[in-house]
Amino acid sequence: MKRLLFAGGALVVLVTASPARADVPEWKDLASGHVTSLSAKKFPAAIGAREKVAGFRFARSERAHTKRDEPTIVDSKVTEAACFSAQRQSLTDADIASVDHAFPEWVDGLSASTRVSAGVNAIHREEVIEENGSVRLESVDAWVDSRSHGVRRFASATLPLTLVGSTVGGMKVYAARDERSDGKFVQIVFVPKRTKEAPSGSLMTMSATSGSRISNGCGHHRAALSAEKKEGDSLILTATLVLGPSDEKSVRVREVSIQASVSQTKSDPDPVVSVSFGWAGRETTRTLGEDGSLIVPGDGF
């Protein structure tokens, strides 16, 4: 077993892993499954109005002024815990082989809703489901026609998740193996505690070692790490945790930094997954709005 690597120096360790998960499981012990990838299929010309898929619902944008304005896709389930992403054009073989599409993931731009452009779009939906003591990520891809409001599923996948750590404030971190034709990856899924003050993961943003930053506006955040890079792969996710009430109109919050990495040396028979946690700022107080939700200044931090 490989132990959790805790950030040192100026960072204060705050993680409390589950007693049953005091170590990050070895590669072979991680749950294994798949997440759907961007579609390389030719988009259909149209989808019939009677075709529907559970979890996909058309809604009018708050900014819509006329019926011709682009609609949005939102979760049709009562929980409204799903995340969406959109692909608005077909990928050619050259696109797939290019650097931009070398790893055809749906991660960028995940949000609680996605705008649908004119014609047929490829829409990705994913949701973390806790059921019967286990946790999994279900992903469904569908053709969505903005003209007929028809929806047709063309791909789906299941990714069982293994808990690898948790923080004060209820943030849980899961990992899973995702081995497929385009590579071998570790999917890292961050699930914040849903509270009245912070009902979703809208306060989360991920900064990868590549220098890219991805903000997220839904109930979880997922990132894929390549298990085949010689130099390894890693990411840092920063999130604001609600620690508790300060008074009736404010709550105590603190920013946490979570680093996840995967690497493999010549002496390692399999890739090694590491996760570390630390404070990324001082504790502060945030004001609550009239509806009891957290008022987020600036870009969310």
Protein backbone atom coordinates (compact mmCIF):
# COMPACT_ATOMS: atom_id res chain seq x y z
CA MET A 1 0.00 0.00 0.00
CA LYS A 2 1.12 3.58 -0.72
CA ARG A 3 0.37 6.00 2.08
CA LEU A 4 -1.25 9.40 1.62
CA LEU A 5 1.40 12.04 1.04
CA PHE A 6 0.60 15.11 3.14
CA ALA A 7 1.72 18.59 2.10
CA GLY A 8 4.40 19.95 4.36
CA GLY A 9 6.11 23.31 4.89
CA ALA A 10 3.66 26.12 5.47
CA LEU A 11 0.66 23.96 4.74
CA VAL A 12 -1.26 22.58 7.71
CA VAL A 13 -2.53 19.03 7.31
CA LEU A 14 -6.31 18.85 7.74
CA VAL A 15 -7.35 15.61 6.12
CA THR A 16 -9.05 12.84 8.04
CA ALA A 17 -9.20 9.72 5.91
CA SER A 18 -11.71 7.01 6.66
CA PRO A 19 -10.17 4.35 8.97
CA ALA A 20 -10.86 1.76 6.29
CA ARG A 21 -9.04 3.92 3.74
CA ALA A 22 -5.98 5.06 5.66
CA ASP A 23 -3.88 4.22 2.58
CA VAL A 24 -4.41 5.03 -1.07
CA PRO A 25 -5.13 1.63 -2.63
CA GLU A 26 -2.62 0.18 -5.06
CA TRP A 27 -3.35 0.38 -8.77
CA LYS A 28 -4.73 -3.16 -8.96
CA ASP A 29 -7.05 -2.51 -6.01
CA LEU A 30 -8.70 0.62 -7.46
CA ALA A 31 -12.20 0.17 -8.84
CA SER A 32 -12.18 -0.12 -12.64
CA GLY A 33 -14.62 1.21 -15.23
CA HIS A 34 -15.04 3.86 -17.90
CA VAL A 35 -16.17 7.42 -18.61
CA THR A 36 -17.51 8.22 -22.08
CA SER A 37 -15.27 10.19 -24.48
CA LEU A 38 -15.96 12.92 -27.01
CA SER A 39 -17.81 11.55 -30.02
CA ALA A 40 -15.91 10.88 -33.25
CA LYS A 41 -19.16 9.85 -34.95
CA LYS A 42 -20.83 11.91 -37.67
CA PHE A 43 -23.62 14.00 -36.20
CA PRO A 44 -27.12 12.97 -37.39
CA ALA A 45 -29.10 15.52 -39.39
CA ALA A 46 -32.05 15.50 -36.99
CA ILE A 47 -33.56 13.77 -33.94
CA GLY A 48 -37.28 12.99 -33.77
CA ALA A 49 -39.34 15.00 -31.31
CA ARG A 50 -40.67 11.85 -29.62
CA GLU A 51 -37.19 10.57 -28.76
CA LYS A 52 -36.27 11.27 -25.12
CA VAL A 53 -33.56 10.22 -22.65
CA ALA A 54 -33.92 10.25 -18.85
CA GLY A 55 -31.88 12.99 -17.21
CA PHE A 56 -32.03 15.43 -20.16
CA ARG A 57 -34.56 18.28 -20.08
CA PHE A 58 -34.83 21.40 -22.23
CA ALA A 59 -35.17 24.69 -20.37
CA ARG A 60 -35.34 28.31 -21.42
CA SER A 61 -32.29 30.38 -20.62
CA GLU A 62 -32.85 33.19 -18.14
CA ARG A 63 -31.30 35.51 -20.75
CA ALA A 64 -33.59 34.34 -23.56
CA HIS A 65 -35.62 37.13 -25.15
CA THR A 66 -37.32 35.28 -28.02
CA LYS A 67 -38.28 31.70 -28.88
CA ARG A 68 -35.35 31.63 -31.32
CA ASP A 69 -32.80 32.06 -28.54
CA GLU A 70 -30.73 28.96 -27.78
CA PRO A 71 -32.28 26.71 -25.10
CA THR A 72 -30.31 24.94 -22.39
CA ILE A 73 -30.17 21.34 -21.21
CA VAL A 74 -30.64 20.74 -17.47
CA ASP A 75 -31.13 17.71 -15.23
CA SER A 76 -34.64 16.27 -15.37
CA LYS A 77 -34.16 14.36 -12.11
CA VAL A 78 -35.40 15.78 -8.82
CA THR A 79 -31.89 15.71 -7.30
CA GLU A 80 -30.47 18.00 -10.03
CA ALA A 81 -27.00 16.63 -9.21
CA ALA A 82 -25.82 16.01 -12.78
CA CYS A 83 -23.08 17.80 -14.69
CA PHE A 84 -23.23 18.57 -18.43
CA SER A 85 -20.82 19.37 -21.25
CA ALA A 86 -21.40 19.99 -24.96
CA GLN A 87 -19.66 19.14 -28.23
CA ARG A 88 -21.04 21.28 -31.01
CA GLN A 89 -19.29 19.86 -34.07
CA SER A 90 -18.09 16.53 -35.41
CA LEU A 91 -14.42 15.62 -34.92
CA THR A 92 -12.41 14.65 -37.97
CA ASP A 93 -9.57 12.12 -37.89
CA ALA A 94 -7.17 15.07 -37.98
CA ASP A 95 -8.92 16.64 -34.97
CA ILE A 96 -8.63 13.44 -32.97
CA ALA A 97 -4.93 13.08 -33.82
CA SER A 98 -4.16 16.71 -32.93
CA VAL A 99 -2.73 17.89 -29.63
CA ASP A 100 -6.01 19.53 -28.63
CA HIS A 101 -7.89 16.25 -28.96
CA ALA A 102 -5.13 13.82 -27.96
CA PHE A 103 -7.18 13.03 -24.87
CA PRO A 104 -10.84 13.34 -25.90
CA GLU A 105 -12.28 14.07 -22.47
CA TRP A 106 -15.57 15.76 -21.64
CA VAL A 107 -14.13 17.40 -18.49
CA ASP A 108 -13.73 21.00 -19.68
CA GLY A 109 -16.75 23.17 -19.01
CA LEU A 110 -18.78 20.78 -16.85
CA SER A 111 -21.70 22.69 -15.37
CA ALA A 112 -25.21 22.22 -14.02
CA SER A 113 -26.60 23.17 -17.45
CA THR A 114 -25.29 23.64 -20.97
CA ARG A 115 -26.50 25.81 -23.82
CA VAL A 116 -27.63 24.02 -26.98
CA SER A 117 -26.68 25.65 -30.29
CA ALA A 118 -28.76 25.47 -33.46
CA GLY A 119 -29.21 22.00 -34.90
CA VAL A 120 -27.90 18.75 -33.41
CA ASN A 121 -25.42 18.78 -30.52
CA ALA A 122 -23.56 16.01 -28.70
CA ILE A 123 -24.28 16.45 -24.98
CA HIS A 124 -22.51 14.63 -22.14
CA ARG A 125 -24.20 14.03 -18.79
CA GLU A 126 -22.51 12.57 -15.71
CA GLU A 127 -23.67 12.04 -12.14
CA VAL A 128 -22.14 10.66 -8.95
CA ILE A 129 -24.53 8.13 -7.41
CA GLU A 130 -24.29 6.75 -3.86
CA GLU A 131 -26.31 3.57 -3.53
CA ASN A 132 -26.23 0.49 -1.25
CA GLY A 133 -22.94 1.51 0.34
CA SER A 134 -21.10 2.02 -2.96
CA VAL A 135 -20.36 5.07 -5.11
CA ARG A 136 -20.19 5.24 -8.89
CA LEU A 137 -20.11 7.81 -11.69
CA GLU A 138 -22.66 7.24 -14.44
CA SER A 139 -22.09 8.99 -17.78
CA VAL A 140 -24.50 9.22 -20.73
CA ASP A 141 -23.92 10.88 -24.10
CA ALA A 142 -26.83 11.88 -26.31
CA TRP A 143 -27.66 13.64 -29.56
CA VAL A 144 -29.79 16.69 -28.75
CA ASP A 145 -31.77 18.53 -31.41
CA SER A 146 -32.53 22.15 -30.51
CA ARG A 147 -35.25 22.37 -33.18
CA SER A 148 -37.36 19.32 -32.34
CA HIS A 149 -36.20 18.97 -28.71
CA GLY A 150 -35.54 15.30 -29.47
CA VAL A 151 -32.84 13.44 -27.49
CA ARG A 152 -31.20 10.14 -28.55
CA ARG A 153 -28.62 8.28 -26.45
CA PHE A 154 -25.52 7.05 -28.30
CA ALA A 155 -23.11 6.08 -25.49
CA SER A 156 -23.08 5.31 -21.77
CA ALA A 157 -20.55 4.08 -19.21
CA THR A 158 -20.20 3.24 -15.54
CA LEU A 159 -17.20 4.07 -13.34
CA PRO A 160 -17.20 2.50 -9.84
CA LEU A 161 -15.31 4.75 -7.40
CA THR A 162 -12.89 4.00 -4.56
CA LEU A 163 -12.69 6.47 -1.64
CA VAL A 164 -9.08 7.66 -1.19
CA GLY A 165 -9.53 10.53 1.27
CA SER A 166 -11.82 13.10 2.86
CA THR A 167 -11.46 16.51 4.49
CA VAL A 168 -12.87 18.50 7.34
CA GLY A 169 -16.02 20.06 5.91
CA GLY A 170 -17.14 16.90 4.13
CA MET A 171 -15.17 16.94 0.85
CA LYS A 172 -14.60 13.37 -0.40
CA VAL A 173 -12.00 12.29 -2.96
CA TYR A 174 -12.48 9.18 -5.08
CA ALA A 175 -10.29 7.43 -7.66
CA ALA A 176 -10.76 4.74 -10.30
CA ARG A 177 -8.87 3.05 -13.14
CA ASP A 178 -10.07 3.88 -16.65
CA GLU A 179 -8.20 1.73 -19.20
CA ARG A 180 -9.32 2.06 -22.80
CA SER A 181 -8.06 2.14 -26.39
CA ASP A 182 -6.82 5.75 -26.19
CA GLY A 183 -4.80 5.20 -23.01
CA LYS A 184 -4.63 4.25 -19.37
CA PHE A 185 -5.93 6.85 -16.91
CA VAL A 186 -6.79 7.47 -13.29
CA GLN A 187 -10.07 9.32 -12.90
CA ILE A 188 -10.09 11.54 -9.79
CA VAL A 189 -13.53 12.66 -8.60
CA PHE A 190 -14.01 15.36 -5.95
CA VAL A 191 -17.40 15.47 -4.24
CA PRO A 192 -18.09 18.39 -1.85
CA LYS A 193 -20.68 18.13 0.88
CA ARG A 194 -23.94 19.67 -0.28
CA THR A 195 -25.27 22.08 2.34
CA LYS A 196 -27.80 24.90 2.42
CA GLU A 197 -24.92 27.41 2.34
CA ALA A 198 -23.05 25.66 -0.48
CA PRO A 199 -25.49 23.34 -2.29
CA SER A 200 -23.11 22.30 -5.08
CA GLY A 201 -19.49 22.30 -6.20
CA SER A 202 -19.68 25.78 -7.68
CA LEU A 203 -16.85 26.96 -5.42
CA MET A 204 -14.36 24.53 -6.94
CA THR A 205 -11.59 25.15 -9.47
CA MET A 206 -8.83 22.86 -10.64
CA SER A 207 -5.31 23.96 -11.56
CA ALA A 208 -3.35 21.26 -13.41
CA THR A 209 0.44 21.05 -13.58
CA SER A 210 0.10 21.89 -17.28
CA GLY A 211 -0.89 25.40 -16.20
CA SER A 212 -4.52 25.13 -17.32
CA ARG A 213 -7.36 26.07 -14.98
CA ILE A 214 -10.83 24.58 -15.10
CA SER A 215 -13.72 25.99 -13.11
CA ASN A 216 -16.72 23.88 -12.32
CA GLY A 217 -20.31 24.76 -11.54
CA CYS A 218 -22.03 21.52 -10.59
CA GLY A 219 -22.21 18.89 -7.85
CA HIS A 220 -18.77 17.29 -8.36
CA HIS A 221 -15.49 17.81 -10.18
CA ARG A 222 -13.73 15.13 -12.24
CA ALA A 223 -10.22 15.14 -13.67
CA ALA A 224 -8.29 12.47 -15.56
CA LEU A 225 -4.60 11.77 -14.96
CA SER A 226 -2.56 9.85 -17.52
CA ALA A 227 -0.93 6.72 -16.12
CA GLU A 228 1.38 6.45 -19.11
CA LYS A 229 3.40 9.69 -19.04
CA LYS A 230 7.08 9.06 -18.25
CA GLU A 231 7.23 12.16 -16.08
CA GLY A 232 3.96 11.36 -14.32
CA ASP A 233 0.84 13.48 -14.18
CA SER A 234 -0.67 15.59 -11.40
CA LEU A 235 -3.24 18.23 -10.56
CA ILE A 236 -4.13 20.59 -7.75
CA LEU A 237 -7.73 21.32 -6.88
CA THR A 238 -8.62 24.30 -4.72
CA ALA A 239 -11.99 24.59 -3.03
CA THR A 240 -13.61 26.68 -0.31
CA LEU A 241 -14.95 24.58 2.58
CA VAL A 242 -17.78 25.67 4.85
CA LEU A 243 -16.52 24.90 8.38
CA GLY A 244 -19.56 25.98 10.34
CA PRO A 245 -21.75 28.94 11.35
CA SER A 246 -20.25 32.17 12.62
CA ASP A 247 -23.61 33.69 13.46
CA GLU A 248 -27.10 33.74 11.92
CA LYS A 249 -25.96 35.74 8.90
CA SER A 250 -22.48 34.35 8.19
CA VAL A 251 -20.39 31.16 8.10
CA ARG A 252 -16.74 30.27 8.64
CA VAL A 253 -14.92 29.17 5.49
CA ARG A 254 -11.39 28.16 4.57
CA GLU A 255 -9.70 27.30 1.30
CA VAL A 256 -8.26 23.80 0.93
CA SER A 257 -5.71 22.53 -1.59
CA ILE A 258 -5.84 18.90 -2.72
CA GLN A 259 -3.05 17.45 -4.84
CA ALA A 260 -3.44 14.18 -6.74
CA SER A 261 -0.75 12.52 -8.82
CA VAL A 262 0.06 9.31 -10.64
CA SER A 263 3.59 8.15 -11.47
CA GLN A 264 5.56 4.99 -12.16
CA THR A 265 9.29 4.43 -11.71
CA LYS A 266 11.27 1.51 -13.11
CA SER A 267 10.97 -0.25 -9.77
CA ASP A 268 7.15 0.13 -9.63
CA PRO A 269 5.28 -2.79 -11.23
CA ASP A 270 2.18 -0.58 -11.61
CA PRO A 271 1.36 3.16 -11.54
CA VAL A 272 1.30 4.72 -8.05
CA VAL A 273 -1.51 7.08 -7.06
CA SER A 274 -0.86 9.70 -4.35
CA VAL A 275 -3.21 12.20 -2.72
CA SER A 276 -2.29 15.02 -0.30
CA PHE A 277 -4.27 17.76 1.45
CA GLY A 278 -3.46 21.13 3.03
CA TRP A 279 -4.85 24.54 3.84
CA ALA A 280 -4.42 27.08 1.03
CA GLY A 281 -5.50 30.16 2.99
CA ARG A 282 -6.61 31.53 6.33
CA GLU A 283 -10.04 31.02 7.81
CA THR A 284 -12.43 33.84 6.92
CA THR A 285 -16.10 34.69 7.33
CA ARG A 286 -18.60 34.86 4.46
CA THR A 287 -22.02 36.52 4.49
CA LEU A 288 -25.18 34.56 3.78
CA GLY A 289 -27.81 35.86 1.37
CA GLU A 290 -31.50 36.26 2.13
CA ASP A 291 -32.13 32.67 0.99
CA GLY A 292 -29.41 31.37 3.34
CA SER A 293 -26.91 30.59 0.56
CA LEU A 294 -23.28 31.67 0.53
CA ILE A 295 -22.53 34.98 -1.20
CA VAL A 296 -19.52 34.36 -3.44
CA PRO A 297 -17.31 37.40 -4.11
CA GLY A 298 -15.32 37.82 -7.31
CA ASP A 299 -14.57 34.55 -9.13
CA GLY A 300 -15.71 32.34 -6.28
CA PHE A 301 -12.86 32.67 -3.80
